[in-house]
Amino acid sequence: MLGSLSSLRPRSLFFDGLDDEEDDEPRHFLDSCSLCRKPLARNRDIFMYRGDMPFCSEECRQEQIEIDEAKEKSWKLSIKASSSRKEQQRKIAAAGGAKSEKIRVRAGTVVAG
């Protein structure tokens, strides 16, 4: 039983989405570009974004910024459309309620809608 335990391999400290069976070294978040996954050289500049996203070049970083801005704009538009629909539903409900409040009916009268 002890032999089978010794064959277990240590797990990576950081999850990178890849399962490298050959690599015994834990991966660090500064090992590769967040966009193109190109390995980052230790003696070259690393371009950071949002504190913990490394990029190999200004171009990769700028592309990620544009992707994030497009997602944020899409999210804001969907929130705005959702709130606009809710506001329209409130107005319709209020208008329907106002009409029913204005109708006066005497006792014994039948009202058709």
C-alpha atoms as a PDB file:
ATOM      1  CA  MET A   1       0.000   0.000   0.000  1.00  0.00           C
ATOM      2  CA  LEU A   2       2.857   2.347   0.794  1.00  0.00           C
ATOM      3  CA  GLY A   3       4.227   1.821  -2.724  1.00  0.00           C
ATOM      4  CA  SER A   4       0.974   3.021  -4.294  1.00  0.00           C
ATOM      5  CA  LEU A   5       1.026   6.198  -2.180  1.00  0.00           C
ATOM      6  CA  SER A   6       4.545   7.032  -3.300  1.00  0.00           C
ATOM      7  CA  SER A   7       3.429   6.913  -6.932  1.00  0.00           C
ATOM      8  CA  LEU A   8       0.973   9.782  -6.399  1.00  0.00           C
ATOM      9  CA  ARG A   9       2.179  13.000  -7.972  1.00  0.00           C
ATOM     10  CA  PRO A  10       2.006  16.408  -6.265  1.00  0.00           C
ATOM     11  CA  ARG A  11      -0.756  18.657  -7.594  1.00  0.00           C
ATOM     12  CA  SER A  12      -0.149  22.107  -9.036  1.00  0.00           C
ATOM     13  CA  LEU A  13      -0.518  25.084  -6.711  1.00  0.00           C
ATOM     14  CA  PHE A  14      -2.358  27.103  -9.380  1.00  0.00           C
ATOM     15  CA  PHE A  15      -4.980  25.763 -11.779  1.00  0.00           C
ATOM     16  CA  ASP A  16      -4.169  26.695 -15.345  1.00  0.00           C
ATOM     17  CA  GLY A  17      -6.768  24.574 -17.121  1.00  0.00           C
ATOM     18  CA  LEU A  18      -4.106  22.292 -18.574  1.00  0.00           C
ATOM     19  CA  ASP A  19      -3.205  18.825 -17.369  1.00  0.00           C
ATOM     20  CA  ASP A  20       0.541  18.445 -17.890  1.00  0.00           C
ATOM     21  CA  GLU A  21       1.530  14.956 -16.777  1.00  0.00           C
ATOM     22  CA  GLU A  22       5.207  15.535 -17.634  1.00  0.00           C
ATOM     23  CA  ASP A  23       5.589  18.734 -15.604  1.00  0.00           C
ATOM     24  CA  ASP A  24       6.321  18.244 -11.901  1.00  0.00           C
ATOM     25  CA  GLU A  25       6.845  21.959 -11.210  1.00  0.00           C
ATOM     26  CA  PRO A  26       3.876  23.986  -9.949  1.00  0.00           C
ATOM     27  CA  ARG A  27       2.705  26.660 -12.372  1.00  0.00           C
ATOM     28  CA  HIS A  28       2.853  30.297 -11.414  1.00  0.00           C
ATOM     29  CA  PHE A  29       0.393  32.845 -12.794  1.00  0.00           C
ATOM     30  CA  LEU A  30       3.280  34.798 -14.367  1.00  0.00           C
ATOM     31  CA  ASP A  31       4.405  31.813 -16.469  1.00  0.00           C
ATOM     32  CA  SER A  32       2.280  32.606 -19.526  1.00  0.00           C
ATOM     33  CA  CYS A  33       0.329  35.389 -21.238  1.00  0.00           C
ATOM     34  CA  SER A  34      -3.297  35.517 -20.089  1.00  0.00           C
ATOM     35  CA  LEU A  35      -4.544  35.947 -23.656  1.00  0.00           C
ATOM     36  CA  CYS A  36      -2.336  33.997 -26.073  1.00  0.00           C
ATOM     37  CA  ARG A  37      -0.774  31.624 -23.468  1.00  0.00           C
ATOM     38  CA  LYS A  38       2.713  32.336 -24.844  1.00  0.00           C
ATOM     39  CA  PRO A  39       5.383  31.647 -22.193  1.00  0.00           C
ATOM     40  CA  LEU A  40       6.643  34.793 -20.501  1.00  0.00           C
ATOM     41  CA  ALA A  41      10.410  35.240 -20.422  1.00  0.00           C
ATOM     42  CA  ARG A  42      11.898  36.108 -17.047  1.00  0.00           C
ATOM     43  CA  ASN A  43      14.179  38.769 -18.532  1.00  0.00           C
ATOM     44  CA  ARG A  44      11.503  40.583 -20.608  1.00  0.00           C
ATOM     45  CA  ASP A  45       8.802  43.065 -19.692  1.00  0.00           C
ATOM     46  CA  ILE A  46       5.502  41.693 -18.454  1.00  0.00           C
ATOM     47  CA  PHE A  47       2.465  43.883 -19.080  1.00  0.00           C
ATOM     48  CA  MET A  48      -0.041  43.653 -16.230  1.00  0.00           C
ATOM     49  CA  TYR A  49      -3.780  44.370 -16.254  1.00  0.00           C
ATOM     50  CA  ARG A  50      -6.210  44.450 -13.338  1.00  0.00           C
ATOM     51  CA  GLY A  51      -3.461  43.502 -10.933  1.00  0.00           C
ATOM     52  CA  ASP A  52      -3.184  39.786 -11.645  1.00  0.00           C
ATOM     53  CA  MET A  53      -3.364  39.297 -15.414  1.00  0.00           C
ATOM     54  CA  PRO A  54       0.056  39.122 -17.138  1.00  0.00           C
ATOM     55  CA  PHE A  55       0.500  39.726 -20.881  1.00  0.00           C
ATOM     56  CA  CYS A  56       3.442  39.211 -23.206  1.00  0.00           C
ATOM     57  CA  SER A  57       2.886  42.470 -25.108  1.00  0.00           C
ATOM     58  CA  GLU A  58       0.982  45.733 -25.035  1.00  0.00           C
ATOM     59  CA  GLU A  59      -1.085  44.405 -27.951  1.00  0.00           C
ATOM     60  CA  CYS A  60      -2.299  41.366 -25.988  1.00  0.00           C
ATOM     61  CA  ARG A  61      -3.099  43.536 -22.976  1.00  0.00           C
ATOM     62  CA  GLN A  62      -4.985  46.058 -25.154  1.00  0.00           C
ATOM     63  CA  GLU A  63      -6.986  43.276 -26.780  1.00  0.00           C
ATOM     64  CA  GLN A  64      -8.032  41.979 -23.342  1.00  0.00           C
ATOM     65  CA  ILE A  65      -9.002  45.521 -22.285  1.00  0.00           C
ATOM     66  CA  GLU A  66     -11.187  45.846 -25.391  1.00  0.00           C
ATOM     67  CA  ILE A  67     -12.777  42.431 -24.742  1.00  0.00           C
ATOM     68  CA  ASP A  68     -13.565  43.441 -21.149  1.00  0.00           C
ATOM     69  CA  GLU A  69     -14.981  46.804 -22.256  1.00  0.00           C
ATOM     70  CA  ALA A  70     -17.222  45.100 -24.828  1.00  0.00           C
ATOM     71  CA  LYS A  71     -18.484  42.654 -22.175  1.00  0.00           C
ATOM     72  CA  GLU A  72     -19.127  45.512 -19.752  1.00  0.00           C
ATOM     73  CA  LYS A  73     -20.963  47.537 -22.408  1.00  0.00           C
ATOM     74  CA  SER A  74     -23.084  44.516 -23.343  1.00  0.00           C
ATOM     75  CA  TRP A  75     -23.855  43.885 -19.673  1.00  0.00           C
ATOM     76  CA  LYS A  76     -24.856  47.527 -19.119  1.00  0.00           C
ATOM     77  CA  LEU A  77     -27.081  47.484 -22.209  1.00  0.00           C
ATOM     78  CA  SER A  78     -28.817  44.312 -21.062  1.00  0.00           C
ATOM     79  CA  ILE A  79     -29.387  45.835 -17.603  1.00  0.00           C
ATOM     80  CA  LYS A  80     -30.727  49.027 -19.195  1.00  0.00           C
ATOM     81  CA  ALA A  81     -33.048  47.060 -21.517  1.00  0.00           C
ATOM     82  CA  SER A  82     -34.268  44.959 -18.618  1.00  0.00           C
ATOM     83  CA  SER A  83     -35.024  47.992 -16.470  1.00  0.00           C
ATOM     84  CA  SER A  84     -36.687  49.720 -19.446  1.00  0.00           C
ATOM     85  CA  ARG A  85     -38.996  46.715 -19.936  1.00  0.00           C
ATOM     86  CA  LYS A  86     -39.876  46.698 -16.254  1.00  0.00           C
ATOM     87  CA  GLU A  87     -40.639  50.424 -16.368  1.00  0.00           C
ATOM     88  CA  GLN A  88     -42.910  49.910 -19.405  1.00  0.00           C
ATOM     89  CA  GLN A  89     -44.734  47.105 -17.610  1.00  0.00           C
ATOM     90  CA  ARG A  90     -45.224  49.363 -14.581  1.00  0.00           C
ATOM     91  CA  LYS A  91     -46.625  52.149 -16.785  1.00  0.00           C
ATOM     92  CA  ILE A  92     -49.018  49.744 -18.523  1.00  0.00           C
ATOM     93  CA  ALA A  93     -50.154  48.334 -15.203  1.00  0.00           C
ATOM     94  CA  ALA A  94     -50.598  51.837 -13.781  1.00  0.00           C
ATOM     95  CA  ALA A  95     -52.554  52.976 -16.852  1.00  0.00           C
ATOM     96  CA  GLY A  96     -54.767  49.884 -16.685  1.00  0.00           C
ATOM     97  CA  GLY A  97     -55.334  50.453 -12.984  1.00  0.00           C
ATOM     98  CA  ALA A  98     -56.140  54.138 -13.529  1.00  0.00           C
ATOM     99  CA  LYS A  99     -58.791  53.274 -16.147  1.00  0.00           C
ATOM    100  CA  SER A 100     -60.506  50.812 -13.853  1.00  0.00           C
ATOM    101  CA  GLU A 101     -60.485  53.355 -11.050  1.00  0.00           C
ATOM    102  CA  LYS A 102     -62.235  55.987 -13.216  1.00  0.00           C
ATOM    103  CA  ILE A 103     -65.231  53.801 -14.072  1.00  0.00           C
ATOM    104  CA  ARG A 104     -68.132  54.392 -11.783  1.00  0.00           C
ATOM    105  CA  VAL A 105     -70.804  51.771 -11.576  1.00  0.00           C
ATOM    106  CA  ARG A 106     -74.161  51.899  -9.828  1.00  0.00           C
ATOM    107  CA  ALA A 107     -75.313  48.952  -7.818  1.00  0.00           C
ATOM    108  CA  GLY A 108     -77.278  46.510  -9.953  1.00  0.00           C
ATOM    109  CA  THR A 109     -75.521  47.463 -13.240  1.00  0.00           C
ATOM    110  CA  VAL A 110     -73.691  44.906 -15.404  1.00  0.00           C
ATOM    111  CA  VAL A 111     -70.385  46.069 -16.851  1.00  0.00           C
ATOM    112  CA  ALA A 112     -68.895  44.295 -19.885  1.00  0.00           C
ATOM    113  CA  GLY A 113     -65.153  44.553 -20.356  1.00  0.00           C
END
